[in-house]
Amino acid sequence: MSLLPKKKTIRNMEEKKLLTNRLNRISGQINGLKKMVDSDTYCNELLIQISAVENSLKSLANHILENHLYTCISRDLTNGNKESMTEIVELFKKFNK
């Protein structure tokens, strides 16, 4: 168990709404996939929809990463917190697996 306090990102209402809307859309895509499986949809169609969900998730992740760089990481570096560089390098490593 870590003794360090957990970091938080304070997002404005507009950003929260944008993220929530995108997550709701992705949730709808997932529910659509479940219905496709239940209705024995042809594999090809199911795979195309899975690809669409993956692209939606990647797009969301890229949006969050971009905001993270411009807000959290930028702020930390301005304040002399060089540990954020290690954090972002590790994040990129996870993204590229």
C-alpha atoms as a PDB file:
ATOM      1  CA  MET A   1       0.000   0.000   0.000  1.00  0.00           C
ATOM      2  CA  SER A   2       1.404   3.356  -1.025  1.00  0.00           C
ATOM      3  CA  LEU A   3       1.868   6.088   1.540  1.00  0.00           C
ATOM      4  CA  LEU A   4       1.821   8.750  -1.170  1.00  0.00           C
ATOM      5  CA  PRO A   5      -1.448  10.623  -1.612  1.00  0.00           C
ATOM      6  CA  LYS A   6      -3.326   9.737  -4.779  1.00  0.00           C
ATOM      7  CA  LYS A   7      -3.160  12.363  -7.452  1.00  0.00           C
ATOM      8  CA  LYS A   8      -6.363  13.825  -8.811  1.00  0.00           C
ATOM      9  CA  THR A   9      -7.203  15.723 -11.955  1.00  0.00           C
ATOM     10  CA  ILE A  10      -9.766  18.448 -11.454  1.00  0.00           C
ATOM     11  CA  ARG A  11     -11.764  18.749 -14.681  1.00  0.00           C
ATOM     12  CA  ASN A  12     -14.152  21.541 -15.533  1.00  0.00           C
ATOM     13  CA  MET A  13     -17.804  20.738 -16.223  1.00  0.00           C
ATOM     14  CA  GLU A  14     -17.355  21.050 -19.998  1.00  0.00           C
ATOM     15  CA  GLU A  15     -14.546  18.479 -20.019  1.00  0.00           C
ATOM     16  CA  LYS A  16     -16.472  16.135 -17.718  1.00  0.00           C
ATOM     17  CA  LYS A  17     -19.490  16.370 -20.012  1.00  0.00           C
ATOM     18  CA  LEU A  18     -17.358  15.656 -23.086  1.00  0.00           C
ATOM     19  CA  LEU A  19     -15.729  12.621 -21.456  1.00  0.00           C
ATOM     20  CA  THR A  20     -19.032  11.334 -20.110  1.00  0.00           C
ATOM     21  CA  ASN A  21     -20.703  11.666 -23.507  1.00  0.00           C
ATOM     22  CA  ARG A  22     -17.894   9.758 -25.185  1.00  0.00           C
ATOM     23  CA  LEU A  23     -17.994   7.047 -22.526  1.00  0.00           C
ATOM     24  CA  ASN A  24     -21.772   6.761 -22.913  1.00  0.00           C
ATOM     25  CA  ARG A  25     -21.314   6.377 -26.675  1.00  0.00           C
ATOM     26  CA  ILE A  26     -18.722   3.627 -26.119  1.00  0.00           C
ATOM     27  CA  SER A  27     -21.035   1.940 -23.636  1.00  0.00           C
ATOM     28  CA  GLY A  28     -23.750   2.003 -26.283  1.00  0.00           C
ATOM     29  CA  GLN A  29     -21.357   0.418 -28.757  1.00  0.00           C
ATOM     30  CA  ILE A  30     -20.574  -2.355 -26.253  1.00  0.00           C
ATOM     31  CA  ASN A  31     -24.282  -2.967 -25.655  1.00  0.00           C
ATOM     32  CA  GLY A  32     -24.740  -3.119 -29.423  1.00  0.00           C
ATOM     33  CA  LEU A  33     -22.055  -5.799 -29.602  1.00  0.00           C
ATOM     34  CA  LYS A  34     -23.881  -7.854 -26.972  1.00  0.00           C
ATOM     35  CA  LYS A  35     -27.081  -7.630 -29.015  1.00  0.00           C
ATOM     36  CA  MET A  36     -25.201  -8.652 -32.143  1.00  0.00           C
ATOM     37  CA  VAL A  37     -23.870 -11.750 -30.364  1.00  0.00           C
ATOM     38  CA  ASP A  38     -27.357 -12.580 -29.055  1.00  0.00           C
ATOM     39  CA  SER A  39     -28.808 -12.275 -32.539  1.00  0.00           C
ATOM     40  CA  ASP A  40     -26.072 -14.420 -34.130  1.00  0.00           C
ATOM     41  CA  THR A  41     -24.699 -11.614 -36.274  1.00  0.00           C
ATOM     42  CA  TYR A  42     -22.148 -12.742 -38.854  1.00  0.00           C
ATOM     43  CA  CYS A  43     -18.543 -12.735 -37.555  1.00  0.00           C
ATOM     44  CA  ASN A  44     -17.366 -10.177 -40.102  1.00  0.00           C
ATOM     45  CA  GLU A  45     -19.933  -7.605 -38.953  1.00  0.00           C
ATOM     46  CA  LEU A  46     -19.130  -8.267 -35.316  1.00  0.00           C
ATOM     47  CA  LEU A  47     -15.392  -7.779 -35.950  1.00  0.00           C
ATOM     48  CA  ILE A  48     -16.040  -4.501 -37.762  1.00  0.00           C
ATOM     49  CA  GLN A  49     -18.000  -3.222 -34.775  1.00  0.00           C
ATOM     50  CA  ILE A  50     -15.301  -4.384 -32.357  1.00  0.00           C
ATOM     51  CA  SER A  51     -12.795  -2.399 -34.403  1.00  0.00           C
ATOM     52  CA  ALA A  52     -15.065   0.657 -34.128  1.00  0.00           C
ATOM     53  CA  VAL A  53     -15.139   0.281 -30.323  1.00  0.00           C
ATOM     54  CA  GLU A  54     -11.351  -0.040 -30.207  1.00  0.00           C
ATOM     55  CA  ASN A  55     -10.986   3.116 -32.290  1.00  0.00           C
ATOM     56  CA  SER A  56     -13.399   4.965 -30.015  1.00  0.00           C
ATOM     57  CA  LEU A  57     -11.407   3.938 -26.945  1.00  0.00           C
ATOM     58  CA  LYS A  58      -8.103   4.917 -28.585  1.00  0.00           C
ATOM     59  CA  SER A  59      -9.539   8.282 -29.537  1.00  0.00           C
ATOM     60  CA  LEU A  60     -10.730   8.860 -25.969  1.00  0.00           C
ATOM     61  CA  ALA A  61      -7.355   7.799 -24.563  1.00  0.00           C
ATOM     62  CA  ASN A  62      -5.555  10.162 -26.929  1.00  0.00           C
ATOM     63  CA  HIS A  63      -7.814  13.028 -25.892  1.00  0.00           C
ATOM     64  CA  ILE A  64      -7.139  12.360 -22.198  1.00  0.00           C
ATOM     65  CA  LEU A  65      -3.403  11.973 -22.845  1.00  0.00           C
ATOM     66  CA  GLU A  66      -3.249  15.269 -24.727  1.00  0.00           C
ATOM     67  CA  ASN A  67      -5.053  17.076 -21.919  1.00  0.00           C
ATOM     68  CA  HIS A  68      -2.791  15.377 -19.380  1.00  0.00           C
ATOM     69  CA  LEU A  69       0.312  16.675 -21.164  1.00  0.00           C
ATOM     70  CA  TYR A  70      -1.007  20.230 -21.479  1.00  0.00           C
ATOM     71  CA  THR A  71      -2.354  20.447 -17.940  1.00  0.00           C
ATOM     72  CA  CYS A  72      -0.950  18.066 -15.333  1.00  0.00           C
ATOM     73  CA  ILE A  73       2.494  17.418 -16.788  1.00  0.00           C
ATOM     74  CA  SER A  74       2.998  21.017 -17.893  1.00  0.00           C
ATOM     75  CA  ARG A  75       2.014  22.273 -14.430  1.00  0.00           C
ATOM     76  CA  ASP A  76       4.308  19.783 -12.688  1.00  0.00           C
ATOM     77  CA  LEU A  77       7.289  20.692 -14.862  1.00  0.00           C
ATOM     78  CA  THR A  78       6.647  24.404 -14.334  1.00  0.00           C
ATOM     79  CA  ASN A  79       6.674  23.718 -10.583  1.00  0.00           C
ATOM     80  CA  GLY A  80       9.964  21.804 -10.875  1.00  0.00           C
ATOM     81  CA  ASN A  81       8.476  18.327 -10.436  1.00  0.00           C
ATOM     82  CA  LYS A  82      10.746  16.290 -12.706  1.00  0.00           C
ATOM     83  CA  GLU A  83       9.120  13.025 -11.528  1.00  0.00           C
ATOM     84  CA  SER A  84       6.349  13.747 -14.014  1.00  0.00           C
ATOM     85  CA  MET A  85       8.786  12.993 -16.827  1.00  0.00           C
ATOM     86  CA  THR A  86       9.201   9.458 -15.477  1.00  0.00           C
ATOM     87  CA  GLU A  87       5.425   9.180 -15.167  1.00  0.00           C
ATOM     88  CA  ILE A  88       4.853  10.206 -18.780  1.00  0.00           C
ATOM     89  CA  VAL A  89       7.627   7.929 -20.110  1.00  0.00           C
ATOM     90  CA  GLU A  90       6.049   4.977 -18.294  1.00  0.00           C
ATOM     91  CA  LEU A  91       2.649   5.958 -19.664  1.00  0.00           C
ATOM     92  CA  PHE A  92       3.974   5.988 -23.222  1.00  0.00           C
ATOM     93  CA  LYS A  93       5.524   2.553 -22.669  1.00  0.00           C
ATOM     94  CA  LYS A  94       2.105   1.211 -21.614  1.00  0.00           C
ATOM     95  CA  PHE A  95       0.467   2.833 -24.636  1.00  0.00           C
ATOM     96  CA  ASN A  96       2.932   1.142 -26.995  1.00  0.00           C
ATOM     97  CA  LYS A  97       2.490  -2.436 -25.773  1.00  0.00           C
END
